[in-house]
Structures are given as C-alpha cells and as structure tokens.
Amino acid sequence: MELKAIELLGDERIGQGGFLVLRRLRLRLVRADGSRTQEGLWDFVERPIGLDAVVVALWRNATQPEVLLRHGLRVPLQFGRPEKRPLLGAELVAGILEPRDEIAARATAEAIEEAGLRIDRVELLGPPLFPSPGMCSELFHFVAAEVPDQVPVTPAGDGSPFEEGARLEWTTLDDALRRCSAGEIQDMKTEIGLRRLAEKLRPGG
C-alpha cells in the first residue's frame, strides 16, 4: 500500500547538553487510502553543534597523485564493536559544518586544524550524500584541494584530548584505493572521497 504521510504523535529529546542528542519520535504512517498503521518509535541522532560535515581530499603531485590520510581515534569503534580493532584508523580530513559555515571556508579551516596545511582553492567532488539516513540526517559534502608546495605547520587541533596521538600520512592515490579494496581502510566517507578524487584527476580512466 502506498504511503501518503507520517503522523507525529510524540517528540522528545534525550541527552540535552551533550555533543549528540537522541531524538525519539512516536509515529503512525498514513496510507494512501487514509488508513493508519499502528504506532511505532523511531530513534535517531542529532548534533546540536552542526548538522552536516565536509570531507576534504587533500592531494599533491599531478603526475602521480598523492593523498593525505589522517590516522585518528574513533572511540565508538573501540567500545561499540565486539572485536578488537586498531586504536587509530585512516581517514580523509573532515569536520563539522557549524551554523552559517560556508563549505570552502570550513574545508580550509579543517586543513589547517587537522593537517597543518594551507590550501588556496577548494573544488566540490560531486553531490552530498547521506551516510546513514536511518540513524542521522547528516549530509557529507565532498571537496578536493590541491596542496601547494609549503612547509606544514603543527596542526592546531580542536582542543579535544581525543586528538592526541593522531598522525598524518602521505601515500599515493593508487595505494590508498588499494587499501580501501583490501579492507585496510574501512571508513566509508574516505573511500567515496578517494574514488571521486580519482574520477576527477583521471577523467575517463
């Protein structure tokens, strides 16, 4: 039966004041014929500081492209999975889009904050994507930036203790894609960003 609408019966937020908030909705679905389903609960996550994020593929050396990977801590993977995992995982630079942020400006700020690199020009890498629409309404905005020759500065970080121990790695784009295919890099936004970067740098290849 075709669905016509969602009827909101209750809306509460749990965990106000934290980095994330659990939003619990009590709903009924309205069918095209006007009949309604039984009530159900749908929980999803909101992030008050900013809804969306930017994913930044930093690259250099047009003849044999290299990309920057950032190895950092992801606490949910340490405590939310039954299997033992490496403490640090490889990802592209990324950051939260705060209210009134422009994508290019946030990408530039994250390059300095997480990688200690200044970038001059930011290009979109295709349309934004929902990484997990059943659990969060966040959109990922993918961008690329060529890194000019420069001496990097020490990344400032965001002041969080969980930034400690992060390290940076330049590797060839081909090697990064191989590691994605082999399951050595398991971050979805990173694989998508790398593959979109490859399409941009090697059109028709």
Protein backbone atom coordinates (compact mmCIF):
# COMPACT_ATOMS: atom_id res chain seq x y z
CA MET A 1 0.00 0.00 0.00
CA GLU A 2 1.39 3.45 -0.94
CA LEU A 3 2.25 5.75 1.95
CA LYS A 4 0.88 9.30 1.99
CA ALA A 5 2.20 10.88 5.17
CA ILE A 6 3.74 10.45 8.61
CA GLU A 7 1.63 11.36 11.62
CA LEU A 8 3.70 12.72 14.51
CA LEU A 9 2.29 11.62 17.88
CA GLY A 10 5.20 12.43 20.20
CA ASP A 11 8.63 14.09 20.01
CA GLU A 12 11.23 14.12 22.79
CA ARG A 13 14.96 14.72 23.01
CA ILE A 14 17.19 12.68 25.32
CA GLY A 15 20.65 13.78 26.44
CA GLN A 16 20.34 17.53 26.06
CA GLY A 17 23.61 19.37 26.69
CA GLY A 18 25.87 16.71 25.18
CA PHE A 19 27.66 16.56 21.84
CA LEU A 20 24.89 14.33 20.47
CA VAL A 21 21.19 14.19 21.27
CA LEU A 22 18.89 11.21 20.83
CA ARG A 23 15.57 12.25 19.32
CA ARG A 24 12.69 9.83 19.94
CA LEU A 25 9.60 10.16 17.76
CA ARG A 26 6.29 8.36 18.24
CA LEU A 27 4.74 7.94 14.80
CA ARG A 28 1.98 6.43 12.71
CA LEU A 29 2.14 6.06 8.93
CA VAL A 30 -0.83 7.22 6.89
CA ARG A 31 -1.63 5.07 3.85
CA ALA A 32 -2.96 6.42 0.55
CA ASP A 33 -6.47 5.16 1.38
CA GLY A 34 -6.45 7.14 4.64
CA SER A 35 -5.95 4.16 6.94
CA ARG A 36 -3.19 4.25 9.54
CA THR A 37 -0.60 1.81 10.80
CA GLN A 38 -0.11 1.02 14.45
CA GLU A 39 2.14 3.32 16.47
CA GLY A 40 5.90 2.89 16.34
CA LEU A 41 9.02 4.52 17.80
CA TRP A 42 11.88 5.87 15.69
CA ASP A 43 15.10 6.99 17.40
CA PHE A 44 17.73 9.00 15.57
CA VAL A 45 20.73 11.13 16.45
CA GLU A 46 21.05 14.91 16.20
CA ARG A 47 24.20 17.00 16.64
CA PRO A 48 23.41 20.47 18.00
CA ILE A 49 26.77 21.99 17.06
CA GLY A 50 26.14 21.37 13.34
CA LEU A 51 24.09 19.02 11.22
CA ASP A 52 26.39 18.36 8.24
CA ALA A 53 30.10 17.74 7.62
CA VAL A 54 32.72 18.43 4.97
CA VAL A 55 35.13 15.72 3.77
CA VAL A 56 38.38 17.09 2.33
CA ALA A 57 40.55 15.13 -0.11
CA LEU A 58 43.93 16.88 0.11
CA TRP A 59 46.26 15.93 -2.74
CA ARG A 60 49.55 16.87 -4.41
CA ASN A 61 51.74 15.88 -7.38
CA ALA A 62 49.57 15.83 -10.51
CA THR A 63 51.83 13.35 -12.35
CA GLN A 64 51.49 10.68 -9.66
CA PRO A 65 48.83 11.93 -7.27
CA GLU A 66 49.37 11.52 -3.54
CA VAL A 67 46.67 11.96 -0.90
CA LEU A 68 46.80 12.85 2.76
CA LEU A 69 45.40 10.37 5.28
CA ARG A 70 44.88 11.25 8.91
CA HIS A 71 45.14 8.43 11.45
CA GLY A 72 42.98 9.30 14.44
CA LEU A 73 41.00 7.80 17.31
CA ARG A 74 37.34 6.81 16.93
CA VAL A 75 36.07 5.86 20.39
CA PRO A 76 32.83 4.11 19.24
CA LEU A 77 34.92 1.59 17.30
CA GLN A 78 36.80 0.71 20.50
CA PHE A 79 33.76 0.31 22.75
CA GLY A 80 30.90 -0.35 20.35
CA ARG A 81 32.32 -3.35 18.48
CA PRO A 82 32.87 -6.86 19.90
CA GLU A 83 36.12 -7.45 18.01
CA LYS A 84 39.45 -5.85 18.92
CA ARG A 85 40.36 -3.07 16.49
CA PRO A 86 43.44 -0.89 15.85
CA LEU A 87 43.43 2.18 18.06
CA LEU A 88 43.82 4.60 15.13
CA GLY A 89 42.09 4.48 11.74
CA ALA A 90 42.96 6.18 8.45
CA GLU A 91 40.55 8.80 7.12
CA LEU A 92 40.45 11.90 4.98
CA VAL A 93 40.45 15.22 6.79
CA ALA A 94 36.88 16.13 7.76
CA GLY A 95 34.98 18.49 10.01
CA ILE A 96 31.55 19.63 11.15
CA LEU A 97 29.82 22.44 9.28
CA GLU A 98 28.71 24.78 12.02
CA PRO A 99 25.76 27.16 11.52
CA ARG A 100 26.48 29.79 8.83
CA ASP A 101 29.69 28.00 7.75
CA GLU A 102 30.49 28.01 4.05
CA ILE A 103 31.79 24.68 2.73
CA ALA A 104 35.02 26.09 1.26
CA ALA A 105 35.81 28.12 4.38
CA ARG A 106 35.25 25.12 6.66
CA ALA A 107 37.38 22.90 4.41
CA THR A 108 40.20 25.47 4.57
CA ALA A 109 39.92 25.68 8.36
CA GLU A 110 39.97 21.88 8.75
CA ALA A 111 43.07 21.58 6.54
CA ILE A 112 44.93 23.89 8.94
CA GLU A 113 43.40 22.40 12.09
CA GLU A 114 43.89 18.71 11.28
CA ALA A 115 46.80 18.72 8.82
CA GLY A 116 48.68 22.00 9.32
CA LEU A 117 48.28 22.80 5.60
CA ARG A 118 47.10 25.96 3.88
CA ILE A 119 45.01 25.49 0.75
CA ASP A 120 44.11 28.11 -1.85
CA ARG A 121 41.27 26.58 -3.84
CA VAL A 122 38.52 24.11 -2.95
CA GLU A 123 36.51 22.16 -5.54
CA LEU A 124 33.36 20.17 -4.97
CA LEU A 125 33.59 16.41 -5.56
CA GLY A 126 30.06 15.65 -6.70
CA PRO A 127 26.81 15.93 -4.76
CA PRO A 128 26.47 15.48 -0.99
CA LEU A 129 25.46 12.10 0.42
CA PHE A 130 23.60 10.83 3.49
CA PRO A 131 25.97 8.34 5.20
CA SER A 132 23.35 6.70 7.43
CA PRO A 133 19.85 8.11 6.83
CA GLY A 134 18.15 5.62 9.14
CA MET A 135 20.12 6.90 12.12
CA CYS A 136 21.07 10.51 11.33
CA SER A 137 20.03 13.23 8.87
CA GLU A 138 23.65 14.37 8.40
CA LEU A 139 24.94 15.11 4.88
CA PHE A 140 28.57 14.68 3.83
CA HIS A 141 29.86 17.35 1.43
CA PHE A 142 32.90 16.09 -0.52
CA VAL A 143 35.60 18.50 -1.69
CA ALA A 144 39.13 18.33 -3.06
CA ALA A 145 42.04 20.72 -2.69
CA GLU A 146 45.49 20.58 -4.23
CA VAL A 147 48.17 21.32 -1.64
CA PRO A 148 50.79 23.80 -2.91
CA ASP A 149 54.46 23.33 -2.04
CA GLN A 150 54.86 24.50 1.53
CA VAL A 151 56.32 23.64 4.90
CA PRO A 152 53.44 22.29 7.03
CA VAL A 153 52.85 23.75 10.45
CA THR A 154 51.92 21.74 13.53
CA PRO A 155 48.17 21.05 13.34
CA ALA A 156 46.34 23.14 15.91
CA GLY A 157 43.67 20.53 16.58
CA ASP A 158 40.33 21.43 18.14
CA GLY A 159 41.42 21.33 21.77
CA SER A 160 39.96 17.87 22.40
CA PRO A 161 42.10 15.29 24.26
CA PHE A 162 40.97 12.73 21.69
CA GLU A 163 43.07 14.47 19.02
CA GLU A 164 46.22 13.36 20.84
CA GLY A 165 48.28 10.73 19.08
CA ALA A 166 46.84 11.43 15.62
CA ARG A 167 49.34 11.17 12.78
CA LEU A 168 49.45 12.18 9.13
CA GLU A 169 50.48 10.08 6.14
CA TRP A 170 51.03 10.95 2.51
CA THR A 171 50.52 7.99 0.19
CA THR A 172 49.78 7.56 -3.49
CA LEU A 173 46.16 7.69 -4.54
CA ASP A 174 46.57 4.23 -6.06
CA ASP A 175 47.84 2.81 -2.76
CA ALA A 176 45.00 4.42 -0.80
CA LEU A 177 42.43 2.93 -3.17
CA ARG A 178 44.13 -0.47 -2.94
CA ARG A 179 43.89 -0.30 0.85
CA CYS A 180 40.18 0.51 0.58
CA SER A 181 39.61 -2.51 -1.67
CA ALA A 182 41.61 -4.72 0.70
CA GLY A 183 39.64 -3.59 3.76
CA GLU A 184 42.66 -1.89 5.33
CA ILE A 185 40.82 1.44 5.16
CA GLN A 186 37.25 0.91 6.36
CA ASP A 187 35.94 4.47 6.56
CA MET A 188 33.15 4.91 4.01
CA LYS A 189 33.44 8.67 3.53
CA THR A 190 37.17 8.22 2.88
CA GLU A 191 36.67 5.59 0.20
CA ILE A 192 33.98 7.66 -1.54
CA GLY A 193 36.13 10.78 -1.39
CA LEU A 194 39.15 8.94 -2.79
CA ARG A 195 37.18 7.38 -5.63
CA ARG A 196 35.62 10.71 -6.55
CA LEU A 197 39.06 12.32 -6.49
CA ALA A 198 40.35 9.60 -8.83
CA GLU A 199 37.47 10.29 -11.22
CA LYS A 200 38.29 14.00 -11.17
CA LEU A 201 42.02 13.58 -11.75
CA ARG A 202 41.68 10.78 -14.30
CA PRO A 203 38.52 11.52 -16.30
CA GLY A 204 37.64 8.54 -18.47
CA GLY A 205 40.44 6.50 -16.89
